């Protein structure tokens, strides 16, 4: 998985971080799709699954990776995992 780490000069609200992550993902993936995210400060994450365990990884990360996640973007306290989007014909 490719990992990008970005720092901004100040605090970001979730939506601003999500938008920034999506813009960055668009530089690497066509029509990027968010598969999961984490706020390290609050511990909130999505999806809220308890499906599986793997040493050093949380269930939301495993979920995202098992569904094709190839790009992890970390911005301040937020982590997002993306995959290439599905083009509809």
PDB file of N, CA and C in Angstrom:
ATOM      1  N   UNK A   1       0.840  -1.173   0.000  1.00  0.00           N
ATOM      2  CA  UNK A   1       0.000   0.000   0.000  1.00  0.00           C
ATOM      3  C   UNK A   1       0.887   1.240   0.000  1.00  0.00           C
ATOM      4  N   UNK A   2       0.536   2.176  -0.849  1.00  0.00           N
ATOM      5  CA  UNK A   2       1.248   3.447  -0.904  1.00  0.00           C
ATOM      6  C   UNK A   2       0.763   4.328   0.254  1.00  0.00           C
ATOM      7  N   UNK A   3       1.681   5.003   0.918  1.00  0.00           N
ATOM      8  CA  UNK A   3       1.336   5.859   2.055  1.00  0.00           C
ATOM      9  C   UNK A   3       1.815   7.279   1.788  1.00  0.00           C
ATOM     10  N   UNK A   4       0.900   8.248   1.948  1.00  0.00           N
ATOM     11  CA  UNK A   4       1.237   9.666   1.857  1.00  0.00           C
ATOM     12  C   UNK A   4       0.982  10.295   3.217  1.00  0.00           C
ATOM     13  N   UNK A   5       1.937  11.063   3.711  1.00  0.00           N
ATOM     14  CA  UNK A   5       1.789  11.753   4.988  1.00  0.00           C
ATOM     15  C   UNK A   5       1.841  13.251   4.741  1.00  0.00           C
ATOM     16  N   UNK A   6       0.785  13.945   5.142  1.00  0.00           N
ATOM     17  CA  UNK A   6       0.691  15.387   4.959  1.00  0.00           C
ATOM     18  C   UNK A   6       0.470  16.047   6.315  1.00  0.00           C
ATOM     19  N   UNK A   7       1.021  17.220   6.492  1.00  0.00           N
ATOM     20  CA  UNK A   7       0.801  18.019   7.700  1.00  0.00           C
ATOM     21  C   UNK A   7       0.308  19.386   7.263  1.00  0.00           C
ATOM     22  N   UNK A   8      -0.701  19.882   7.933  1.00  0.00           N
ATOM     23  CA  UNK A   8      -1.150  21.238   7.669  1.00  0.00           C
ATOM     24  C   UNK A   8      -0.696  22.117   8.821  1.00  0.00           C
ATOM     25  N   UNK A   9      -0.723  23.403   8.604  1.00  0.00           N
ATOM     26  CA  UNK A   9      -0.250  24.341   9.606  1.00  0.00           C
ATOM     27  C   UNK A   9      -1.141  24.450  10.828  1.00  0.00           C
ATOM     28  N   UNK A  10      -2.385  24.053  10.724  1.00  0.00           N
ATOM     29  CA  UNK A  10      -3.300  24.181  11.854  1.00  0.00           C
ATOM     30  C   UNK A  10      -4.222  22.982  11.949  1.00  0.00           C
ATOM     31  N   UNK A  11      -5.151  23.069  12.882  1.00  0.00           N
ATOM     32  CA  UNK A  11      -6.124  21.994  13.055  1.00  0.00           C
ATOM     33  C   UNK A  11      -7.080  21.965  11.872  1.00  0.00           C
ATOM     34  N   UNK A  12      -7.479  20.784  11.496  1.00  0.00           N
ATOM     35  CA  UNK A  12      -8.456  20.601  10.423  1.00  0.00           C
ATOM     36  C   UNK A  12      -9.704  19.933  10.982  1.00  0.00           C
ATOM     37  N   UNK A  13     -10.840  20.383  10.544  1.00  0.00           N
ATOM     38  CA  UNK A  13     -12.079  19.671  10.823  1.00  0.00           C
ATOM     39  C   UNK A  13     -12.110  18.449   9.910  1.00  0.00           C
ATOM     40  N   UNK A  14     -12.927  17.457  10.268  1.00  0.00           N
ATOM     41  CA  UNK A  14     -12.980  16.214   9.508  1.00  0.00           C
ATOM     42  C   UNK A  14     -13.279  16.447   8.030  1.00  0.00           C
ATOM     43  N   UNK A  15     -14.308  17.234   7.732  1.00  0.00           N
ATOM     44  CA  UNK A  15     -14.714  17.425   6.332  1.00  0.00           C
ATOM     45  C   UNK A  15     -13.590  18.068   5.515  1.00  0.00           C
ATOM     46  N   UNK A  16     -12.882  19.028   6.089  1.00  0.00           N
ATOM     47  CA  UNK A  16     -11.764  19.661   5.381  1.00  0.00           C
ATOM     48  C   UNK A  16     -10.652  18.646   5.128  1.00  0.00           C
ATOM     49  N   UNK A  17     -10.357  17.813   6.111  1.00  0.00           N
ATOM     50  CA  UNK A  17      -9.330  16.782   5.945  1.00  0.00           C
ATOM     51  C   UNK A  17      -9.762  15.765   4.898  1.00  0.00           C
ATOM     52  N   UNK A  18     -11.024  15.383   4.928  1.00  0.00           N
ATOM     53  CA  UNK A  18     -11.553  14.421   3.960  1.00  0.00           C
ATOM     54  C   UNK A  18     -11.462  14.974   2.539  1.00  0.00           C
ATOM     55  N   UNK A  19     -11.816  16.239   2.369  1.00  0.00           N
ATOM     56  CA  UNK A  19     -11.733  16.876   1.047  1.00  0.00           C
ATOM     57  C   UNK A  19     -10.288  16.962   0.557  1.00  0.00           C
ATOM     58  N   UNK A  20      -9.381  17.338   1.441  1.00  0.00           N
ATOM     59  CA  UNK A  20      -7.966  17.412   1.078  1.00  0.00           C
ATOM     60  C   UNK A  20      -7.441  16.028   0.692  1.00  0.00           C
ATOM     61  N   UNK A  21      -7.793  15.022   1.467  1.00  0.00           N
ATOM     62  CA  UNK A  21      -7.354  13.652   1.176  1.00  0.00           C
ATOM     63  C   UNK A  21      -7.898  13.189  -0.174  1.00  0.00           C
ATOM     64  N   UNK A  22      -9.146  13.494  -0.467  1.00  0.00           N
ATOM     65  CA  UNK A  22      -9.746  13.091  -1.742  1.00  0.00           C
ATOM     66  C   UNK A  22      -9.048  13.779  -2.914  1.00  0.00           C
ATOM     67  N   UNK A  23      -8.712  15.067  -2.757  1.00  0.00           N
ATOM     68  CA  UNK A  23      -7.982  15.779  -3.819  1.00  0.00           C
ATOM     69  C   UNK A  23      -6.615  15.145  -4.056  1.00  0.00           C
ATOM     70  N   UNK A  24      -5.915  14.833  -2.968  1.00  0.00           N
ATOM     71  CA  UNK A  24      -4.600  14.194  -3.099  1.00  0.00           C
ATOM     72  C   UNK A  24      -4.740  12.813  -3.728  1.00  0.00           C
ATOM     73  N   UNK A  25      -5.738  12.054  -3.313  1.00  0.00           N
ATOM     74  CA  UNK A  25      -5.952  10.716  -3.871  1.00  0.00           C
ATOM     75  C   UNK A  25      -6.216  10.783  -5.363  1.00  0.00           C
ATOM     76  N   UNK A  26      -6.884  11.845  -5.814  1.00  0.00           N
ATOM     77  CA  UNK A  26      -7.170  12.033  -7.225  1.00  0.00           C
ATOM     78  C   UNK A  26      -5.923  12.200  -8.079  1.00  0.00           C
ATOM     79  N   UNK A  27      -4.802  12.528  -7.456  1.00  0.00           N
ATOM     80  CA  UNK A  27      -3.538  12.647  -8.180  1.00  0.00           C
ATOM     81  C   UNK A  27      -2.928  11.273  -8.481  1.00  0.00           C
ATOM     82  N   UNK A  28      -3.381  10.257  -7.745  1.00  0.00           N
ATOM     83  CA  UNK A  28      -2.812   8.916  -7.864  1.00  0.00           C
ATOM     84  C   UNK A  28      -3.804   7.874  -8.371  1.00  0.00           C
ATOM     85  N   UNK A  29      -5.092   8.124  -8.159  1.00  0.00           N
ATOM     86  CA  UNK A  29      -6.131   7.155  -8.515  1.00  0.00           C
ATOM     87  C   UNK A  29      -7.207   7.829  -9.346  1.00  0.00           C
ATOM     88  N   UNK A  30      -7.772   7.114 -10.289  1.00  0.00           N
ATOM     89  CA  UNK A  30      -8.906   7.623 -11.037  1.00  0.00           C
ATOM     90  C   UNK A  30     -10.180   7.453 -10.224  1.00  0.00           C
ATOM     91  N   UNK A  31     -10.931   8.521 -10.067  1.00  0.00           N
ATOM     92  CA  UNK A  31     -12.200   8.484  -9.336  1.00  0.00           C
ATOM     93  C   UNK A  31     -12.057   7.785  -7.980  1.00  0.00           C
ATOM     94  N   UNK A  32     -11.187   8.292  -7.082  1.00  0.00           N
ATOM     95  CA  UNK A  32     -10.893   7.603  -5.826  1.00  0.00           C
ATOM     96  C   UNK A  32     -12.125   7.402  -4.945  1.00  0.00           C
ATOM     97  N   UNK A  33     -12.171   6.256  -4.302  1.00  0.00           N
ATOM     98  CA  UNK A  33     -13.267   5.889  -3.412  1.00  0.00           C
ATOM     99  C   UNK A  33     -12.705   5.680  -2.007  1.00  0.00           C
ATOM    100  N   UNK A  34     -13.285   6.361  -1.021  1.00  0.00           N
ATOM    101  CA  UNK A  34     -12.857   6.189   0.366  1.00  0.00           C
ATOM    102  C   UNK A  34     -13.431   4.887   0.900  1.00  0.00           C
ATOM    103  N   UNK A  35     -12.566   4.030   1.438  1.00  0.00           N
ATOM    104  CA  UNK A  35     -13.008   2.757   1.998  1.00  0.00           C
ATOM    105  C   UNK A  35     -13.033   2.765   3.520  1.00  0.00           C
ATOM    106  N   UNK A  36     -12.268   3.652   4.126  1.00  0.00           N
ATOM    107  CA  UNK A  36     -12.242   3.720   5.578  1.00  0.00           C
ATOM    108  C   UNK A  36     -11.470   4.934   6.043  1.00  0.00           C
ATOM    109  N   UNK A  37     -11.724   5.325   7.286  1.00  0.00           N
ATOM    110  CA  UNK A  37     -11.010   6.467   7.868  1.00  0.00           C
ATOM    111  C   UNK A  37     -10.923   6.318   9.378  1.00  0.00           C
ATOM    112  N   UNK A  38      -9.977   7.061   9.964  1.00  0.00           N
ATOM    113  CA  UNK A  38      -9.750   7.059  11.407  1.00  0.00           C
ATOM    114  C   UNK A  38      -9.410   8.468  11.863  1.00  0.00           C
ATOM    115  N   UNK A  39      -9.956   8.870  13.005  1.00  0.00           N
ATOM    116  CA  UNK A  39      -9.525  10.081  13.699  1.00  0.00           C
ATOM    117  C   UNK A  39      -8.709   9.587  14.890  1.00  0.00           C
ATOM    118  N   UNK A  40      -7.413   9.744  14.839  1.00  0.00           N
ATOM    119  CA  UNK A  40      -6.540   9.221  15.899  1.00  0.00           C
ATOM    120  C   UNK A  40      -6.794   9.874  17.254  1.00  0.00           C
ATOM    121  N   UNK A  41      -7.254  11.127  17.268  1.00  0.00           N
ATOM    122  CA  UNK A  41      -7.484  11.811  18.541  1.00  0.00           C
ATOM    123  C   UNK A  41      -8.703  11.282  19.280  1.00  0.00           C
ATOM    124  N   UNK A  42      -9.764  11.013  18.540  1.00  0.00           N
ATOM    125  CA  UNK A  42     -11.006  10.564  19.178  1.00  0.00           C
ATOM    126  C   UNK A  42     -11.176   9.051  19.162  1.00  0.00           C
ATOM    127  N   UNK A  43     -10.444   8.379  18.269  1.00  0.00           N
ATOM    128  CA  UNK A  43     -10.603   6.936  18.122  1.00  0.00           C
ATOM    129  C   UNK A  43     -11.764   6.542  17.220  1.00  0.00           C
ATOM    130  N   UNK A  44     -12.522   7.536  16.744  1.00  0.00           N
ATOM    131  CA  UNK A  44     -13.636   7.233  15.830  1.00  0.00           C
ATOM    132  C   UNK A  44     -13.085   6.756  14.505  1.00  0.00           C
ATOM    133  N   UNK A  45     -13.798   5.803  13.907  1.00  0.00           N
ATOM    134  CA  UNK A  45     -13.386   5.288  12.611  1.00  0.00           C
ATOM    135  C   UNK A  45     -14.602   4.770  11.864  1.00  0.00           C
ATOM    136  N   UNK A  46     -14.413   4.604  10.575  1.00  0.00           N
ATOM    137  CA  UNK A  46     -15.449   4.048   9.730  1.00  0.00           C
ATOM    138  C   UNK A  46     -14.768   3.196   8.670  1.00  0.00           C
ATOM    139  N   UNK A  47     -15.300   2.037   8.370  1.00  0.00           N
ATOM    140  CA  UNK A  47     -16.522   1.501   8.938  1.00  0.00           C
ATOM    141  C   UNK A  47     -16.293   1.012  10.365  1.00  0.00           C
ATOM    142  N   UNK A  48     -17.378   0.972  11.105  1.00  0.00           N
ATOM    143  CA  UNK A  48     -17.343   0.510  12.494  1.00  0.00           C
ATOM    144  C   UNK A  48     -17.575  -0.997  12.483  1.00  0.00           C
ATOM    145  N   UNK A  49     -16.512  -1.739  12.213  1.00  0.00           N
ATOM    146  CA  UNK A  49     -16.601  -3.188  12.079  1.00  0.00           C
ATOM    147  C   UNK A  49     -15.740  -3.874  13.127  1.00  0.00           C
ATOM    148  N   UNK A  50     -16.134  -5.070  13.461  1.00  0.00           N
ATOM    149  CA  UNK A  50     -15.350  -5.932  14.344  1.00  0.00           C
ATOM    150  C   UNK A  50     -15.146  -7.273  13.651  1.00  0.00           C
ATOM    151  N   UNK A  51     -14.805  -7.210  12.366  1.00  0.00           N
ATOM    152  CA  UNK A  51     -14.794  -8.401  11.525  1.00  0.00           C
ATOM    153  C   UNK A  51     -13.576  -9.289  11.701  1.00  0.00           C
ATOM    154  N   UNK A  52     -12.481  -8.714  12.065  1.00  0.00           N
ATOM    155  CA  UNK A  52     -11.258  -9.494  11.987  1.00  0.00           C
ATOM    156  C   UNK A  52     -10.151  -8.835  12.793  1.00  0.00           C
ATOM    157  N   UNK A  53      -9.094  -9.580  13.000  1.00  0.00           N
ATOM    158  CA  UNK A  53      -7.952  -9.037  13.711  1.00  0.00           C
ATOM    159  C   UNK A  53      -6.676  -9.474  13.013  1.00  0.00           C
ATOM    160  N   UNK A  54      -5.706  -8.605  13.051  1.00  0.00           N
ATOM    161  CA  UNK A  54      -4.391  -8.899  12.507  1.00  0.00           C
ATOM    162  C   UNK A  54      -3.404  -8.084  13.326  1.00  0.00           C
ATOM    163  N   UNK A  55      -2.307  -8.677  13.662  1.00  0.00           N
ATOM    164  CA  UNK A  55      -1.298  -7.996  14.479  1.00  0.00           C
ATOM    165  C   UNK A  55      -0.934  -6.634  13.896  1.00  0.00           C
ATOM    166  N   UNK A  56      -1.092  -5.581  14.678  1.00  0.00           N
ATOM    167  CA  UNK A  56      -0.694  -4.248  14.269  1.00  0.00           C
ATOM    168  C   UNK A  56      -1.702  -3.502  13.418  1.00  0.00           C
ATOM    169  N   UNK A  57      -2.860  -4.098  13.128  1.00  0.00           N
ATOM    170  CA  UNK A  57      -3.871  -3.429  12.320  1.00  0.00           C
ATOM    171  C   UNK A  57      -5.217  -3.499  13.018  1.00  0.00           C
ATOM    172  N   UNK A  58      -5.988  -2.438  12.801  1.00  0.00           N
ATOM    173  CA  UNK A  58      -7.341  -2.391  13.338  1.00  0.00           C
ATOM    174  C   UNK A  58      -8.314  -2.941  12.306  1.00  0.00           C
ATOM    175  N   UNK A  59      -9.508  -3.324  12.760  1.00  0.00           N
ATOM    176  CA  UNK A  59     -10.500  -3.945  11.881  1.00  0.00           C
ATOM    177  C   UNK A  59     -10.871  -3.042  10.708  1.00  0.00           C
ATOM    178  N   UNK A  60     -10.997  -1.725  10.936  1.00  0.00           N
ATOM    179  CA  UNK A  60     -11.370  -0.832   9.834  1.00  0.00           C
ATOM    180  C   UNK A  60     -10.314  -0.826   8.739  1.00  0.00           C
ATOM    181  N   UNK A  61      -9.018  -0.960   9.133  1.00  0.00           N
ATOM    182  CA  UNK A  61      -7.934  -0.995   8.148  1.00  0.00           C
ATOM    183  C   UNK A  61      -7.971  -2.291   7.339  1.00  0.00           C
ATOM    184  N   UNK A  62      -8.175  -3.389   8.029  1.00  0.00           N
ATOM    185  CA  UNK A  62      -8.243  -4.691   7.365  1.00  0.00           C
ATOM    186  C   UNK A  62      -9.422  -4.720   6.403  1.00  0.00           C
ATOM    187  N   UNK A  63     -10.545  -4.180   6.849  1.00  0.00           N
ATOM    188  CA  UNK A  63     -11.732  -4.095   5.993  1.00  0.00           C
ATOM    189  C   UNK A  63     -11.398  -3.344   4.706  1.00  0.00           C
ATOM    190  N   UNK A  64     -10.790  -2.156   4.838  1.00  0.00           N
ATOM    191  CA  UNK A  64     -10.482  -1.322   3.674  1.00  0.00           C
ATOM    192  C   UNK A  64      -9.475  -2.005   2.744  1.00  0.00           C
ATOM    193  N   UNK A  65      -8.451  -2.591   3.313  1.00  0.00           N
ATOM    194  CA  UNK A  65      -7.442  -3.263   2.493  1.00  0.00           C
ATOM    195  C   UNK A  65      -8.016  -4.481   1.775  1.00  0.00           C
ATOM    196  N   UNK A  66      -8.884  -5.215   2.449  1.00  0.00           N
ATOM    197  CA  UNK A  66      -9.450  -6.421   1.839  1.00  0.00           C
ATOM    198  C   UNK A  66     -10.450  -6.090   0.729  1.00  0.00           C
ATOM    199  N   UNK A  67     -10.837  -4.838   0.635  1.00  0.00           N
ATOM    200  CA  UNK A  67     -11.751  -4.393  -0.419  1.00  0.00           C
ATOM    201  C   UNK A  67     -11.041  -3.561  -1.488  1.00  0.00           C
ATOM    202  N   UNK A  68      -9.735  -3.712  -1.546  1.00  0.00           N
ATOM    203  CA  UNK A  68      -8.975  -3.109  -2.624  1.00  0.00           C
ATOM    204  C   UNK A  68      -8.252  -1.818  -2.307  1.00  0.00           C
ATOM    205  N   UNK A  69      -8.201  -1.429  -1.034  1.00  0.00           N
ATOM    206  CA  UNK A  69      -7.507  -0.197  -0.668  1.00  0.00           C
ATOM    207  C   UNK A  69      -6.032  -0.255  -1.038  1.00  0.00           C
ATOM    208  N   UNK A  70      -5.568   0.755  -1.761  1.00  0.00           N
ATOM    209  CA  UNK A  70      -4.177   0.769  -2.207  1.00  0.00           C
ATOM    210  C   UNK A  70      -3.447   2.055  -1.837  1.00  0.00           C
ATOM    211  N   UNK A  71      -4.173   3.030  -1.317  1.00  0.00           N
ATOM    212  CA  UNK A  71      -3.577   4.327  -0.997  1.00  0.00           C
ATOM    213  C   UNK A  71      -4.034   4.777   0.383  1.00  0.00           C
ATOM    214  N   UNK A  72      -3.067   5.003   1.261  1.00  0.00           N
ATOM    215  CA  UNK A  72      -3.336   5.476   2.628  1.00  0.00           C
ATOM    216  C   UNK A  72      -2.829   6.906   2.704  1.00  0.00           C
ATOM    217  N   UNK A  73      -3.722   7.821   3.100  1.00  0.00           N
ATOM    218  CA  UNK A  73      -3.339   9.219   3.238  1.00  0.00           C
ATOM    219  C   UNK A  73      -3.535   9.629   4.694  1.00  0.00           C
ATOM    220  N   UNK A  74      -2.455  10.108   5.299  1.00  0.00           N
ATOM    221  CA  UNK A  74      -2.482  10.552   6.693  1.00  0.00           C
ATOM    222  C   UNK A  74      -2.331  12.067   6.697  1.00  0.00           C
ATOM    223  N   UNK A  75      -3.323  12.733   7.279  1.00  0.00           N
ATOM    224  CA  UNK A  75      -3.309  14.196   7.382  1.00  0.00           C
ATOM    225  C   UNK A  75      -3.558  14.560   8.835  1.00  0.00           C
ATOM    226  N   UNK A  76      -2.542  15.133   9.473  1.00  0.00           N
ATOM    227  CA  UNK A  76      -2.636  15.460  10.897  1.00  0.00           C
ATOM    228  C   UNK A  76      -3.115  14.233  11.663  1.00  0.00           C
ATOM    229  N   UNK A  77      -4.269  14.307  12.346  1.00  0.00           N
ATOM    230  CA  UNK A  77      -4.734  13.177  13.138  1.00  0.00           C
ATOM    231  C   UNK A  77      -5.609  12.202  12.356  1.00  0.00           C
ATOM    232  N   UNK A  78      -5.854  12.484  11.081  1.00  0.00           N
ATOM    233  CA  UNK A  78      -6.761  11.666  10.279  1.00  0.00           C
ATOM    234  C   UNK A  78      -6.006  10.699   9.369  1.00  0.00           C
ATOM    235  N   UNK A  79      -6.608   9.539   9.151  1.00  0.00           N
ATOM    236  CA  UNK A  79      -6.084   8.539   8.225  1.00  0.00           C
ATOM    237  C   UNK A  79      -7.229   8.119   7.314  1.00  0.00           C
ATOM    238  N   UNK A  80      -6.980   8.091   6.009  1.00  0.00           N
ATOM    239  CA  UNK A  80      -7.974   7.687   5.019  1.00  0.00           C
ATOM    240  C   UNK A  80      -7.375   6.605   4.135  1.00  0.00           C
ATOM    241  N   UNK A  81      -8.166   5.620   3.765  1.00  0.00           N
ATOM    242  CA  UNK A  81      -7.725   4.592   2.825  1.00  0.00           C
ATOM    243  C   UNK A  81      -8.637   4.642   1.610  1.00  0.00           C
ATOM    244  N   UNK A  82      -8.002   4.687   0.428  1.00  0.00           N
ATOM    245  CA  UNK A  82      -8.714   4.811  -0.840  1.00  0.00           C
ATOM    246  C   UNK A  82      -8.404   3.641  -1.762  1.00  0.00           C
ATOM    247  N   UNK A  83      -9.305   3.443  -2.700  1.00  0.00           N
ATOM    248  CA  UNK A  83      -9.076   2.527  -3.816  1.00  0.00           C
ATOM    249  C   UNK A  83      -9.472   3.249  -5.101  1.00  0.00           C
ATOM    250  N   UNK A  84      -9.075   2.668  -6.211  1.00  0.00           N
ATOM    251  CA  UNK A  84      -9.482   3.164  -7.520  1.00  0.00           C
ATOM    252  C   UNK A  84     -10.994   3.022  -7.610  1.00  0.00           C
ATOM    253  N   UNK A  85     -11.661   4.062  -8.111  1.00  0.00           N
ATOM    254  CA  UNK A  85     -13.114   4.014  -8.237  1.00  0.00           C
ATOM    255  C   UNK A  85     -13.565   3.116  -9.366  1.00  0.00           C
ATOM    256  N   UNK A  86     -14.824   2.774  -9.340  1.00  0.00           N
ATOM    257  CA  UNK A  86     -15.397   1.935 -10.380  1.00  0.00           C
ATOM    258  C   UNK A  86     -16.066   2.830 -11.413  1.00  0.00           C
ATOM    259  N   UNK A  87     -15.642   2.706 -12.616  1.00  0.00           N
ATOM    260  CA  UNK A  87     -16.215   3.504 -13.704  1.00  0.00           C
ATOM    261  C   UNK A  87     -17.490   2.810 -14.183  1.00  0.00           C
ATOM    262  N   UNK A  88     -18.562   3.560 -14.250  1.00  0.00           N
ATOM    263  CA  UNK A  88     -19.818   3.020 -14.758  1.00  0.00           C
ATOM    264  C   UNK A  88     -19.904   3.324 -16.245  1.00  0.00           C
ATOM    265  N   UNK A  89     -20.270   2.333 -17.015  1.00  0.00           N
ATOM    266  CA  UNK A  89     -20.377   2.515 -18.475  1.00  0.00           C
ATOM    267  C   UNK A  89     -21.720   3.082 -18.856  1.00  0.00           C
TER     268      UNK A  89
END
